[in-house]
């Protein structure tokens, strides 16, 4: 019985982790669709730091540092890339430039990221 109980606990823990990881999997917003389509989730997650900071950390950090100009700073990081912005989190990865996406797509992605602060 103890052995069976272990599997029940392990399965529940795995399910909780999967739910938190995929809580945005059903997000059909244009911003999230662009993030998925352009491989952004290889380095970022919505609510967990990976190679790069989570989108929630990006939104909260930029809002704290730049206030009403946060959106502009996120757009600039996507367009031109960035380096060293999240060293305090132990993240030293370089964000490559994605300017080829164009201003409209970059703005859509940035607005979606900032929506995570609400």
PDB file of N, CA and C in Angstrom:
ATOM      1  N   UNK A   1       0.812  -1.207   0.000  1.00  0.00           N
ATOM      2  CA  UNK A   1       0.000   0.000   0.000  1.00  0.00           C
ATOM      3  C   UNK A   1       0.850   1.263   0.000  1.00  0.00           C
ATOM      4  N   UNK A   2       1.959   1.267   0.755  1.00  0.00           N
ATOM      5  CA  UNK A   2       2.814   2.451   0.768  1.00  0.00           C
ATOM      6  C   UNK A   2       3.362   2.728  -0.621  1.00  0.00           C
ATOM      7  N   UNK A   3       3.688   1.679  -1.346  1.00  0.00           N
ATOM      8  CA  UNK A   3       4.229   1.808  -2.690  1.00  0.00           C
ATOM      9  C   UNK A   3       3.203   2.469  -3.610  1.00  0.00           C
ATOM     10  N   UNK A   4       1.961   2.030  -3.488  1.00  0.00           N
ATOM     11  CA  UNK A   4       0.882   2.593  -4.294  1.00  0.00           C
ATOM     12  C   UNK A   4       0.658   4.067  -3.932  1.00  0.00           C
ATOM     13  N   UNK A   5       0.748   4.386  -2.660  1.00  0.00           N
ATOM     14  CA  UNK A   5       0.583   5.763  -2.200  1.00  0.00           C
ATOM     15  C   UNK A   5       1.651   6.680  -2.767  1.00  0.00           C
ATOM     16  N   UNK A   6       2.868   6.149  -2.882  1.00  0.00           N
ATOM     17  CA  UNK A   6       3.963   6.934  -3.450  1.00  0.00           C
ATOM     18  C   UNK A   6       3.637   7.339  -4.878  1.00  0.00           C
ATOM     19  N   UNK A   7       3.108   6.407  -5.649  1.00  0.00           N
ATOM     20  CA  UNK A   7       2.772   6.726  -7.034  1.00  0.00           C
ATOM     21  C   UNK A   7       1.643   7.739  -7.138  1.00  0.00           C
ATOM     22  N   UNK A   8       0.702   7.680  -6.228  1.00  0.00           N
ATOM     23  CA  UNK A   8      -0.392   8.637  -6.232  1.00  0.00           C
ATOM     24  C   UNK A   8       0.157  10.045  -5.947  1.00  0.00           C
ATOM     25  N   UNK A   9       1.041  10.156  -4.952  1.00  0.00           N
ATOM     26  CA  UNK A   9       1.636  11.448  -4.614  1.00  0.00           C
ATOM     27  C   UNK A   9       2.497  11.941  -5.770  1.00  0.00           C
ATOM     28  N   UNK A  10       3.306  11.061  -6.351  1.00  0.00           N
ATOM     29  CA  UNK A  10       4.170  11.441  -7.467  1.00  0.00           C
ATOM     30  C   UNK A  10       3.334  11.890  -8.673  1.00  0.00           C
ATOM     31  N   UNK A  11       2.258  11.179  -8.947  1.00  0.00           N
ATOM     32  CA  UNK A  11       1.393  11.540 -10.070  1.00  0.00           C
ATOM     33  C   UNK A  11       0.735  12.890  -9.827  1.00  0.00           C
ATOM     34  N   UNK A  12       0.289  13.129  -8.606  1.00  0.00           N
ATOM     35  CA  UNK A  12      -0.343  14.415  -8.284  1.00  0.00           C
ATOM     36  C   UNK A  12       0.658  15.554  -8.416  1.00  0.00           C
ATOM     37  N   UNK A  13       1.878  15.347  -7.947  1.00  0.00           N
ATOM     38  CA  UNK A  13       2.911  16.380  -8.058  1.00  0.00           C
ATOM     39  C   UNK A  13       3.231  16.660  -9.521  1.00  0.00           C
ATOM     40  N   UNK A  14       3.322  15.615 -10.324  1.00  0.00           N
ATOM     41  CA  UNK A  14       3.599  15.787 -11.751  1.00  0.00           C
ATOM     42  C   UNK A  14       2.477  16.555 -12.431  1.00  0.00           C
ATOM     43  N   UNK A  15       1.258  16.251 -12.072  1.00  0.00           N
ATOM     44  CA  UNK A  15       0.109  16.930 -12.658  1.00  0.00           C
ATOM     45  C   UNK A  15       0.100  18.405 -12.279  1.00  0.00           C
ATOM     46  N   UNK A  16       0.395  18.706 -11.016  1.00  0.00           N
ATOM     47  CA  UNK A  16       0.428  20.098 -10.584  1.00  0.00           C
ATOM     48  C   UNK A  16       1.509  20.865 -11.340  1.00  0.00           C
ATOM     49  N   UNK A  17       2.670  20.242 -11.538  1.00  0.00           N
ATOM     50  CA  UNK A  17       3.755  20.890 -12.274  1.00  0.00           C
ATOM     51  C   UNK A  17       3.339  21.123 -13.724  1.00  0.00           C
ATOM     52  N   UNK A  18       2.726  20.130 -14.323  1.00  0.00           N
ATOM     53  CA  UNK A  18       2.295  20.249 -15.721  1.00  0.00           C
ATOM     54  C   UNK A  18       1.241  21.331 -15.871  1.00  0.00           C
ATOM     55  N   UNK A  19       0.326  21.430 -14.931  1.00  0.00           N
ATOM     56  CA  UNK A  19      -0.716  22.440 -15.002  1.00  0.00           C
ATOM     57  C   UNK A  19      -0.100  23.830 -14.892  1.00  0.00           C
ATOM     58  N   UNK A  20       0.868  24.002 -13.969  1.00  0.00           N
ATOM     59  CA  UNK A  20       1.482  25.328 -13.837  1.00  0.00           C
ATOM     60  C   UNK A  20       2.294  25.672 -15.080  1.00  0.00           C
ATOM     61  N   UNK A  21       2.964  24.702 -15.676  1.00  0.00           N
ATOM     62  CA  UNK A  21       3.757  24.933 -16.874  1.00  0.00           C
ATOM     63  C   UNK A  21       2.873  25.256 -18.066  1.00  0.00           C
ATOM     64  N   UNK A  22       1.740  24.619 -18.144  1.00  0.00           N
ATOM     65  CA  UNK A  22       0.892  24.774 -19.319  1.00  0.00           C
ATOM     66  C   UNK A  22      -0.338  25.624 -19.054  1.00  0.00           C
ATOM     67  N   UNK A  23      -0.308  26.425 -17.990  1.00  0.00           N
ATOM     68  CA  UNK A  23      -1.485  27.213 -17.656  1.00  0.00           C
ATOM     69  C   UNK A  23      -1.830  28.201 -18.761  1.00  0.00           C
ATOM     70  N   UNK A  24      -0.880  28.499 -19.621  1.00  0.00           N
ATOM     71  CA  UNK A  24      -1.128  29.426 -20.717  1.00  0.00           C
ATOM     72  C   UNK A  24      -1.238  28.695 -22.048  1.00  0.00           C
ATOM     73  N   UNK A  25      -1.210  27.368 -22.007  1.00  0.00           N
ATOM     74  CA  UNK A  25      -1.258  26.593 -23.242  1.00  0.00           C
ATOM     75  C   UNK A  25      -2.539  26.865 -24.029  1.00  0.00           C
ATOM     76  N   UNK A  26      -3.606  27.213 -23.333  1.00  0.00           N
ATOM     77  CA  UNK A  26      -4.872  27.504 -24.004  1.00  0.00           C
ATOM     78  C   UNK A  26      -5.038  28.968 -24.354  1.00  0.00           C
ATOM     79  N   UNK A  27      -4.006  29.752 -24.137  1.00  0.00           N
ATOM     80  CA  UNK A  27      -4.062  31.183 -24.432  1.00  0.00           C
ATOM     81  C   UNK A  27      -4.044  31.364 -25.948  1.00  0.00           C
ATOM     82  N   UNK A  28      -5.127  31.875 -26.476  1.00  0.00           N
ATOM     83  CA  UNK A  28      -5.228  32.080 -27.928  1.00  0.00           C
ATOM     84  C   UNK A  28      -5.040  33.531 -28.326  1.00  0.00           C
ATOM     85  N   UNK A  29      -4.480  34.326 -27.413  1.00  0.00           N
ATOM     86  CA  UNK A  29      -4.282  35.737 -27.735  1.00  0.00           C
ATOM     87  C   UNK A  29      -3.216  35.881 -28.815  1.00  0.00           C
ATOM     88  N   UNK A  30      -3.299  36.931 -29.603  1.00  0.00           N
ATOM     89  CA  UNK A  30      -2.311  37.142 -30.673  1.00  0.00           C
ATOM     90  C   UNK A  30      -0.874  37.208 -30.155  1.00  0.00           C
ATOM     91  N   UNK A  31      -0.668  37.846 -28.994  1.00  0.00           N
ATOM     92  CA  UNK A  31       0.687  37.953 -28.442  1.00  0.00           C
ATOM     93  C   UNK A  31       1.278  36.601 -28.084  1.00  0.00           C
ATOM     94  N   UNK A  32       0.489  35.778 -27.423  1.00  0.00           N
ATOM     95  CA  UNK A  32       0.986  34.453 -27.039  1.00  0.00           C
ATOM     96  C   UNK A  32       1.193  33.568 -28.270  1.00  0.00           C
ATOM     97  N   UNK A  33       0.322  33.698 -29.251  1.00  0.00           N
ATOM     98  CA  UNK A  33       0.503  32.931 -30.493  1.00  0.00           C
ATOM     99  C   UNK A  33       1.825  33.306 -31.175  1.00  0.00           C
ATOM    100  N   UNK A  34       2.156  34.593 -31.177  1.00  0.00           N
ATOM    101  CA  UNK A  34       3.429  35.032 -31.768  1.00  0.00           C
ATOM    102  C   UNK A  34       4.621  34.495 -30.984  1.00  0.00           C
ATOM    103  N   UNK A  35       4.504  34.480 -29.673  1.00  0.00           N
ATOM    104  CA  UNK A  35       5.576  33.947 -28.829  1.00  0.00           C
ATOM    105  C   UNK A  35       5.815  32.473 -29.152  1.00  0.00           C
ATOM    106  N   UNK A  36       4.732  31.726 -29.246  1.00  0.00           N
ATOM    107  CA  UNK A  36       4.856  30.307 -29.571  1.00  0.00           C
ATOM    108  C   UNK A  36       5.420  30.099 -30.974  1.00  0.00           C
ATOM    109  N   UNK A  37       4.928  30.867 -31.930  1.00  0.00           N
ATOM    110  CA  UNK A  37       5.309  30.684 -33.333  1.00  0.00           C
ATOM    111  C   UNK A  37       6.768  31.056 -33.608  1.00  0.00           C
ATOM    112  N   UNK A  38       7.340  31.910 -32.772  1.00  0.00           N
ATOM    113  CA  UNK A  38       8.696  32.389 -33.032  1.00  0.00           C
ATOM    114  C   UNK A  38       9.752  31.773 -32.127  1.00  0.00           C
ATOM    115  N   UNK A  39       9.398  30.704 -31.441  1.00  0.00           N
ATOM    116  CA  UNK A  39      10.378  29.959 -30.657  1.00  0.00           C
ATOM    117  C   UNK A  39      10.791  30.606 -29.350  1.00  0.00           C
ATOM    118  N   UNK A  40      10.070  31.589 -28.902  1.00  0.00           N
ATOM    119  CA  UNK A  40      10.439  32.315 -27.683  1.00  0.00           C
ATOM    120  C   UNK A  40      10.388  31.426 -26.445  1.00  0.00           C
ATOM    121  N   UNK A  41       9.519  30.411 -26.477  1.00  0.00           N
ATOM    122  CA  UNK A  41       9.368  29.538 -25.315  1.00  0.00           C
ATOM    123  C   UNK A  41      10.555  28.592 -25.133  1.00  0.00           C
ATOM    124  N   UNK A  42      11.477  28.588 -26.075  1.00  0.00           N
ATOM    125  CA  UNK A  42      12.693  27.793 -25.905  1.00  0.00           C
ATOM    126  C   UNK A  42      13.557  28.376 -24.784  1.00  0.00           C
ATOM    127  N   UNK A  43      13.510  29.688 -24.621  1.00  0.00           N
ATOM    128  CA  UNK A  43      14.324  30.355 -23.597  1.00  0.00           C
ATOM    129  C   UNK A  43      13.508  30.952 -22.462  1.00  0.00           C
ATOM    130  N   UNK A  44      12.246  31.253 -22.705  1.00  0.00           N
ATOM    131  CA  UNK A  44      11.387  31.894 -21.707  1.00  0.00           C
ATOM    132  C   UNK A  44      10.183  31.008 -21.412  1.00  0.00           C
ATOM    133  N   UNK A  45       9.664  31.163 -20.200  1.00  0.00           N
ATOM    134  CA  UNK A  45       8.387  30.567 -19.827  1.00  0.00           C
ATOM    135  C   UNK A  45       7.530  31.689 -19.258  1.00  0.00           C
ATOM    136  N   UNK A  46       6.281  31.435 -19.093  1.00  0.00           N
ATOM    137  CA  UNK A  46       5.398  32.470 -18.597  1.00  0.00           C
ATOM    138  C   UNK A  46       5.707  32.809 -17.145  1.00  0.00           C
ATOM    139  N   UNK A  47       5.835  31.788 -16.315  1.00  0.00           N
ATOM    140  CA  UNK A  47       5.975  32.060 -14.887  1.00  0.00           C
ATOM    141  C   UNK A  47       7.170  31.385 -14.223  1.00  0.00           C
ATOM    142  N   UNK A  48       8.145  30.938 -14.997  1.00  0.00           N
ATOM    143  CA  UNK A  48       9.364  30.344 -14.450  1.00  0.00           C
ATOM    144  C   UNK A  48      10.558  30.811 -15.259  1.00  0.00           C
ATOM    145  N   UNK A  49      11.631  31.134 -14.560  1.00  0.00           N
ATOM    146  CA  UNK A  49      12.862  31.492 -15.269  1.00  0.00           C
ATOM    147  C   UNK A  49      13.445  30.236 -15.901  1.00  0.00           C
ATOM    148  N   UNK A  50      13.946  30.386 -17.093  1.00  0.00           N
ATOM    149  CA  UNK A  50      14.622  29.301 -17.812  1.00  0.00           C
ATOM    150  C   UNK A  50      15.992  29.843 -18.211  1.00  0.00           C
ATOM    151  N   UNK A  51      16.352  29.709 -19.461  1.00  0.00           N
ATOM    152  CA  UNK A  51      17.572  30.322 -19.978  1.00  0.00           C
ATOM    153  C   UNK A  51      17.454  31.838 -19.847  1.00  0.00           C
ATOM    154  N   UNK A  52      16.279  32.343 -20.135  1.00  0.00           N
ATOM    155  CA  UNK A  52      15.957  33.753 -19.965  1.00  0.00           C
ATOM    156  C   UNK A  52      14.932  33.908 -18.855  1.00  0.00           C
ATOM    157  N   UNK A  53      14.660  35.126 -18.449  1.00  0.00           N
ATOM    158  CA  UNK A  53      13.679  35.356 -17.381  1.00  0.00           C
ATOM    159  C   UNK A  53      12.260  35.021 -17.840  1.00  0.00           C
ATOM    160  N   UNK A  54      11.401  34.720 -16.872  1.00  0.00           N
ATOM    161  CA  UNK A  54      10.002  34.460 -17.204  1.00  0.00           C
ATOM    162  C   UNK A  54       9.357  35.746 -17.716  1.00  0.00           C
ATOM    163  N   UNK A  55       8.284  35.585 -18.440  1.00  0.00           N
ATOM    164  CA  UNK A  55       7.578  36.762 -18.946  1.00  0.00           C
ATOM    165  C   UNK A  55       7.002  37.597 -17.807  1.00  0.00           C
ATOM    166  N   UNK A  56       6.592  36.936 -16.728  1.00  0.00           N
ATOM    167  CA  UNK A  56       6.085  37.692 -15.577  1.00  0.00           C
ATOM    168  C   UNK A  56       7.200  38.531 -14.960  1.00  0.00           C
ATOM    169  N   UNK A  57       8.393  37.975 -14.842  1.00  0.00           N
ATOM    170  CA  UNK A  57       9.526  38.729 -14.304  1.00  0.00           C
ATOM    171  C   UNK A  57       9.870  39.897 -15.229  1.00  0.00           C
ATOM    172  N   UNK A  58       9.845  39.657 -16.526  1.00  0.00           N
ATOM    173  CA  UNK A  58      10.126  40.732 -17.486  1.00  0.00           C
ATOM    174  C   UNK A  58       9.120  41.867 -17.306  1.00  0.00           C
ATOM    175  N   UNK A  59       7.846  41.524 -17.234  1.00  0.00           N
ATOM    176  CA  UNK A  59       6.797  42.541 -17.090  1.00  0.00           C
ATOM    177  C   UNK A  59       6.953  43.298 -15.778  1.00  0.00           C
ATOM    178  N   UNK A  60       7.099  42.581 -14.683  1.00  0.00           N
ATOM    179  CA  UNK A  60       7.185  43.225 -13.374  1.00  0.00           C
ATOM    180  C   UNK A  60       8.445  44.078 -13.240  1.00  0.00           C
ATOM    181  N   UNK A  61       9.578  43.570 -13.731  1.00  0.00           N
ATOM    182  CA  UNK A  61      10.836  44.309 -13.642  1.00  0.00           C
ATOM    183  C   UNK A  61      10.774  45.588 -14.459  1.00  0.00           C
ATOM    184  N   UNK A  62      10.284  45.488 -15.683  1.00  0.00           N
ATOM    185  CA  UNK A  62      10.204  46.678 -16.530  1.00  0.00           C
ATOM    186  C   UNK A  62       9.207  47.695 -15.989  1.00  0.00           C
ATOM    187  N   UNK A  63       8.109  47.227 -15.436  1.00  0.00           N
ATOM    188  CA  UNK A  63       7.135  48.143 -14.853  1.00  0.00           C
ATOM    189  C   UNK A  63       7.751  48.864 -13.646  1.00  0.00           C
ATOM    190  N   UNK A  64       8.473  48.123 -12.833  1.00  0.00           N
ATOM    191  CA  UNK A  64       9.111  48.708 -11.647  1.00  0.00           C
ATOM    192  C   UNK A  64      10.182  49.730 -12.040  1.00  0.00           C
ATOM    193  N   UNK A  65      10.989  49.391 -13.035  1.00  0.00           N
ATOM    194  CA  UNK A  65      12.085  50.267 -13.430  1.00  0.00           C
ATOM    195  C   UNK A  65      11.652  51.458 -14.285  1.00  0.00           C
ATOM    196  N   UNK A  66      10.693  51.239 -15.175  1.00  0.00           N
ATOM    197  CA  UNK A  66      10.384  52.254 -16.184  1.00  0.00           C
ATOM    198  C   UNK A  66       8.958  52.801 -16.140  1.00  0.00           C
ATOM    199  N   UNK A  67       8.112  52.248 -15.288  1.00  0.00           N
ATOM    200  CA  UNK A  67       6.741  52.743 -15.165  1.00  0.00           C
ATOM    201  C   UNK A  67       6.006  52.756 -16.480  1.00  0.00           C
ATOM    202  N   UNK A  68       5.497  53.930 -16.857  1.00  0.00           N
ATOM    203  CA  UNK A  68       4.690  54.030 -18.082  1.00  0.00           C
ATOM    204  C   UNK A  68       5.509  53.781 -19.350  1.00  0.00           C
ATOM    205  N   UNK A  69       6.831  53.785 -19.249  1.00  0.00           N
ATOM    206  CA  UNK A  69       7.687  53.526 -20.407  1.00  0.00           C
ATOM    207  C   UNK A  69       8.117  52.057 -20.507  1.00  0.00           C
ATOM    208  N   UNK A  70       7.556  51.210 -19.662  1.00  0.00           N
ATOM    209  CA  UNK A  70       7.940  49.797 -19.644  1.00  0.00           C
ATOM    210  C   UNK A  70       7.733  49.127 -20.997  1.00  0.00           C
ATOM    211  N   UNK A  71       6.605  49.386 -21.609  1.00  0.00           N
ATOM    212  CA  UNK A  71       6.294  48.771 -22.900  1.00  0.00           C
ATOM    213  C   UNK A  71       7.368  49.108 -23.929  1.00  0.00           C
ATOM    214  N   UNK A  72       7.767  50.360 -23.965  1.00  0.00           N
ATOM    215  CA  UNK A  72       8.795  50.814 -24.903  1.00  0.00           C
ATOM    216  C   UNK A  72      10.116  50.060 -24.678  1.00  0.00           C
ATOM    217  N   UNK A  73      10.478  49.820 -23.430  1.00  0.00           N
ATOM    218  CA  UNK A  73      11.724  49.127 -23.121  1.00  0.00           C
ATOM    219  C   UNK A  73      11.664  47.648 -23.515  1.00  0.00           C
ATOM    220  N   UNK A  74      10.523  47.038 -23.328  1.00  0.00           N
ATOM    221  CA  UNK A  74      10.367  45.640 -23.751  1.00  0.00           C
ATOM    222  C   UNK A  74      10.442  45.554 -25.273  1.00  0.00           C
ATOM    223  N   UNK A  75       9.766  46.451 -25.945  1.00  0.00           N
ATOM    224  CA  UNK A  75       9.811  46.471 -27.412  1.00  0.00           C
ATOM    225  C   UNK A  75      11.247  46.631 -27.903  1.00  0.00           C
ATOM    226  N   UNK A  76      11.987  47.511 -27.272  1.00  0.00           N
ATOM    227  CA  UNK A  76      13.381  47.737 -27.668  1.00  0.00           C
ATOM    228  C   UNK A  76      14.243  46.487 -27.444  1.00  0.00           C
ATOM    229  N   UNK A  77      14.013  45.790 -26.333  1.00  0.00           N
ATOM    230  CA  UNK A  77      14.771  44.565 -26.065  1.00  0.00           C
ATOM    231  C   UNK A  77      14.474  43.486 -27.097  1.00  0.00           C
ATOM    232  N   UNK A  78      13.217  43.403 -27.512  1.00  0.00           N
ATOM    233  CA  UNK A  78      12.859  42.411 -28.526  1.00  0.00           C
ATOM    234  C   UNK A  78      13.462  42.812 -29.870  1.00  0.00           C
ATOM    235  N   UNK A  79      13.323  44.068 -30.220  1.00  0.00           N
ATOM    236  CA  UNK A  79      13.800  44.533 -31.524  1.00  0.00           C
ATOM    237  C   UNK A  79      15.327  44.462 -31.652  1.00  0.00           C
ATOM    238  N   UNK A  80      16.029  44.970 -30.651  1.00  0.00           N
ATOM    239  CA  UNK A  80      17.485  45.103 -30.747  1.00  0.00           C
ATOM    240  C   UNK A  80      18.266  44.050 -29.966  1.00  0.00           C
ATOM    241  N   UNK A  81      17.567  43.261 -29.150  1.00  0.00           N
ATOM    242  CA  UNK A  81      18.242  42.312 -28.286  1.00  0.00           C
ATOM    243  C   UNK A  81      18.703  42.998 -27.008  1.00  0.00           C
ATOM    244  N   UNK A  82      19.206  42.212 -26.075  1.00  0.00           N
ATOM    245  CA  UNK A  82      19.701  42.794 -24.828  1.00  0.00           C
ATOM    246  C   UNK A  82      20.680  41.832 -24.172  1.00  0.00           C
ATOM    247  N   UNK A  83      21.404  42.370 -23.216  1.00  0.00           N
ATOM    248  CA  UNK A  83      22.418  41.574 -22.532  1.00  0.00           C
ATOM    249  C   UNK A  83      22.571  42.093 -21.106  1.00  0.00           C
ATOM    250  N   UNK A  84      22.552  41.192 -20.149  1.00  0.00           N
ATOM    251  CA  UNK A  84      22.849  41.543 -18.772  1.00  0.00           C
ATOM    252  C   UNK A  84      21.742  42.204 -17.974  1.00  0.00           C
ATOM    253  N   UNK A  85      20.538  42.263 -18.485  1.00  0.00           N
ATOM    254  CA  UNK A  85      19.458  42.951 -17.776  1.00  0.00           C
ATOM    255  C   UNK A  85      18.977  42.202 -16.541  1.00  0.00           C
ATOM    256  N   UNK A  86      19.217  40.895 -16.486  1.00  0.00           N
ATOM    257  CA  UNK A  86      18.683  40.086 -15.395  1.00  0.00           C
ATOM    258  C   UNK A  86      19.791  39.325 -14.662  1.00  0.00           C
ATOM    259  N   UNK A  87      20.970  39.928 -14.590  1.00  0.00           N
ATOM    260  CA  UNK A  87      22.107  39.312 -13.893  1.00  0.00           C
ATOM    261  C   UNK A  87      21.782  39.045 -12.430  1.00  0.00           C
ATOM    262  N   UNK A  88      20.977  39.926 -11.835  1.00  0.00           N
ATOM    263  CA  UNK A  88      20.616  39.750 -10.433  1.00  0.00           C
ATOM    264  C   UNK A  88      19.849  38.457 -10.180  1.00  0.00           C
ATOM    265  N   UNK A  89      19.308  37.853 -11.228  1.00  0.00           N
ATOM    266  CA  UNK A  89      18.599  36.572 -11.119  1.00  0.00           C
ATOM    267  C   UNK A  89      19.493  35.399 -11.512  1.00  0.00           C
ATOM    268  N   UNK A  90      20.748  35.693 -11.801  1.00  0.00           N
ATOM    269  CA  UNK A  90      21.666  34.653 -12.237  1.00  0.00           C
ATOM    270  C   UNK A  90      21.486  34.297 -13.707  1.00  0.00           C
ATOM    271  N   UNK A  91      20.863  35.174 -14.450  1.00  0.00           N
ATOM    272  CA  UNK A  91      20.618  34.929 -15.874  1.00  0.00           C
ATOM    273  C   UNK A  91      21.610  35.763 -16.679  1.00  0.00           C
ATOM    274  N   UNK A  92      22.473  35.069 -17.389  1.00  0.00           N
ATOM    275  CA  UNK A  92      23.486  35.786 -18.170  1.00  0.00           C
ATOM    276  C   UNK A  92      23.314  35.590 -19.672  1.00  0.00           C
ATOM    277  N   UNK A  93      22.219  34.962 -20.063  1.00  0.00           N
ATOM    278  CA  UNK A  93      21.971  34.715 -21.478  1.00  0.00           C
ATOM    279  C   UNK A  93      21.786  36.025 -22.228  1.00  0.00           C
ATOM    280  N   UNK A  94      22.125  35.998 -23.486  1.00  0.00           N
ATOM    281  CA  UNK A  94      21.969  37.157 -24.363  1.00  0.00           C
ATOM    282  C   UNK A  94      20.670  36.995 -25.150  1.00  0.00           C
ATOM    283  N   UNK A  95      19.871  38.047 -25.161  1.00  0.00           N
ATOM    284  CA  UNK A  95      18.643  38.057 -25.949  1.00  0.00           C
ATOM    285  C   UNK A  95      19.009  38.520 -27.350  1.00  0.00           C
ATOM    286  N   UNK A  96      18.846  37.656 -28.355  1.00  0.00           N
ATOM    287  CA  UNK A  96      19.172  38.085 -29.720  1.00  0.00           C
ATOM    288  C   UNK A  96      18.120  39.058 -30.245  1.00  0.00           C
ATOM    289  N   UNK A  97      18.472  39.868 -31.224  1.00  0.00           N
ATOM    290  CA  UNK A  97      17.500  40.803 -31.789  1.00  0.00           C
ATOM    291  C   UNK A  97      16.455  40.083 -32.652  1.00  0.00           C
ATOM    292  N   UNK A  98      15.231  40.549 -32.535  1.00  0.00           N
ATOM    293  CA  UNK A  98      14.133  40.012 -33.333  1.00  0.00           C
ATOM    294  C   UNK A  98      13.461  41.123 -34.134  1.00  0.00           C
ATOM    295  N   UNK A  99      14.249  42.098 -34.546  1.00  0.00           N
ATOM    296  CA  UNK A  99      13.719  43.223 -35.301  1.00  0.00           C
ATOM    297  C   UNK A  99      13.022  42.828 -36.583  1.00  0.00           C
ATOM    298  N   UNK A 100      13.413  41.690 -37.137  1.00  0.00           N
ATOM    299  CA  UNK A 100      12.796  41.224 -38.379  1.00  0.00           C
ATOM    300  C   UNK A 100      11.311  40.932 -38.222  1.00  0.00           C
ATOM    301  N   UNK A 101      10.834  40.814 -36.986  1.00  0.00           N
ATOM    302  CA  UNK A 101       9.404  40.577 -36.776  1.00  0.00           C
ATOM    303  C   UNK A 101       8.568  41.790 -37.175  1.00  0.00           C
ATOM    304  N   UNK A 102       9.169  42.952 -37.123  1.00  0.00           N
ATOM    305  CA  UNK A 102       8.448  44.179 -37.457  1.00  0.00           C
ATOM    306  C   UNK A 102       7.791  44.790 -36.228  1.00  0.00           C
ATOM    307  N   UNK A 103       7.555  46.068 -36.310  1.00  0.00           N
ATOM    308  CA  UNK A 103       7.042  46.829 -35.166  1.00  0.00           C
ATOM    309  C   UNK A 103       5.696  46.326 -34.662  1.00  0.00           C
ATOM    310  N   UNK A 104       4.784  45.973 -35.553  1.00  0.00           N
ATOM    311  CA  UNK A 104       3.445  45.553 -35.134  1.00  0.00           C
ATOM    312  C   UNK A 104       3.500  44.266 -34.309  1.00  0.00           C
ATOM    313  N   UNK A 105       4.235  43.272 -34.771  1.00  0.00           N
ATOM    314  CA  UNK A 105       4.329  42.017 -34.027  1.00  0.00           C
ATOM    315  C   UNK A 105       5.068  42.210 -32.708  1.00  0.00           C
ATOM    316  N   UNK A 106       6.108  43.015 -32.730  1.00  0.00           N
ATOM    317  CA  UNK A 106       6.859  43.283 -31.497  1.00  0.00           C
ATOM    318  C   UNK A 106       5.954  43.991 -30.488  1.00  0.00           C
ATOM    319  N   UNK A 107       5.156  44.923 -30.941  1.00  0.00           N
ATOM    320  CA  UNK A 107       4.221  45.614 -30.048  1.00  0.00           C
ATOM    321  C   UNK A 107       3.183  44.646 -29.491  1.00  0.00           C
ATOM    322  N   UNK A 108       2.676  43.757 -30.317  1.00  0.00           N
ATOM    323  CA  UNK A 108       1.682  42.775 -29.868  1.00  0.00           C
ATOM    324  C   UNK A 108       2.277  41.873 -28.794  1.00  0.00           C
ATOM    325  N   UNK A 109       3.488  41.394 -29.013  1.00  0.00           N
ATOM    326  CA  UNK A 109       4.161  40.545 -28.030  1.00  0.00           C
ATOM    327  C   UNK A 109       4.390  41.326 -26.738  1.00  0.00           C
ATOM    328  N   UNK A 110       4.880  42.537 -26.853  1.00  0.00           N
ATOM    329  CA  UNK A 110       5.185  43.362 -25.678  1.00  0.00           C
ATOM    330  C   UNK A 110       3.941  43.653 -24.852  1.00  0.00           C
ATOM    331  N   UNK A 111       2.843  43.947 -25.519  1.00  0.00           N
ATOM    332  CA  UNK A 111       1.581  44.204 -24.800  1.00  0.00           C
ATOM    333  C   UNK A 111       1.117  42.956 -24.064  1.00  0.00           C
ATOM    334  N   UNK A 112       1.293  41.790 -24.690  1.00  0.00           N
ATOM    335  CA  UNK A 112       0.913  40.544 -24.018  1.00  0.00           C
ATOM    336  C   UNK A 112       1.780  40.351 -22.774  1.00  0.00           C
ATOM    337  N   UNK A 113       3.077  40.580 -22.903  1.00  0.00           N
ATOM    338  CA  UNK A 113       3.968  40.434 -21.751  1.00  0.00           C
ATOM    339  C   UNK A 113       3.521  41.371 -20.624  1.00  0.00           C
ATOM    340  N   UNK A 114       3.266  42.631 -20.951  1.00  0.00           N
ATOM    341  CA  UNK A 114       2.852  43.586 -19.921  1.00  0.00           C
ATOM    342  C   UNK A 114       1.488  43.246 -19.319  1.00  0.00           C
ATOM    343  N   UNK A 115       0.667  42.504 -20.044  1.00  0.00           N
ATOM    344  CA  UNK A 115      -0.641  42.115 -19.490  1.00  0.00           C
ATOM    345  C   UNK A 115      -0.482  41.181 -18.291  1.00  0.00           C
ATOM    346  N   UNK A 116       0.683  40.603 -18.129  1.00  0.00           N
ATOM    347  CA  UNK A 116       0.917  39.671 -17.023  1.00  0.00           C
ATOM    348  C   UNK A 116       1.077  40.375 -15.678  1.00  0.00           C
ATOM    349  N   UNK A 117       1.174  41.684 -15.680  1.00  0.00           N
ATOM    350  CA  UNK A 117       1.285  42.430 -14.425  1.00  0.00           C
ATOM    351  C   UNK A 117      -0.078  42.713 -13.813  1.00  0.00           C
ATOM    352  N   UNK A 118      -1.130  42.465 -14.554  1.00  0.00           N
ATOM    353  CA  UNK A 118      -2.489  42.794 -14.088  1.00  0.00           C
ATOM    354  C   UNK A 118      -3.119  41.643 -13.373  1.00  0.00           C
TER     355      UNK A 118
END
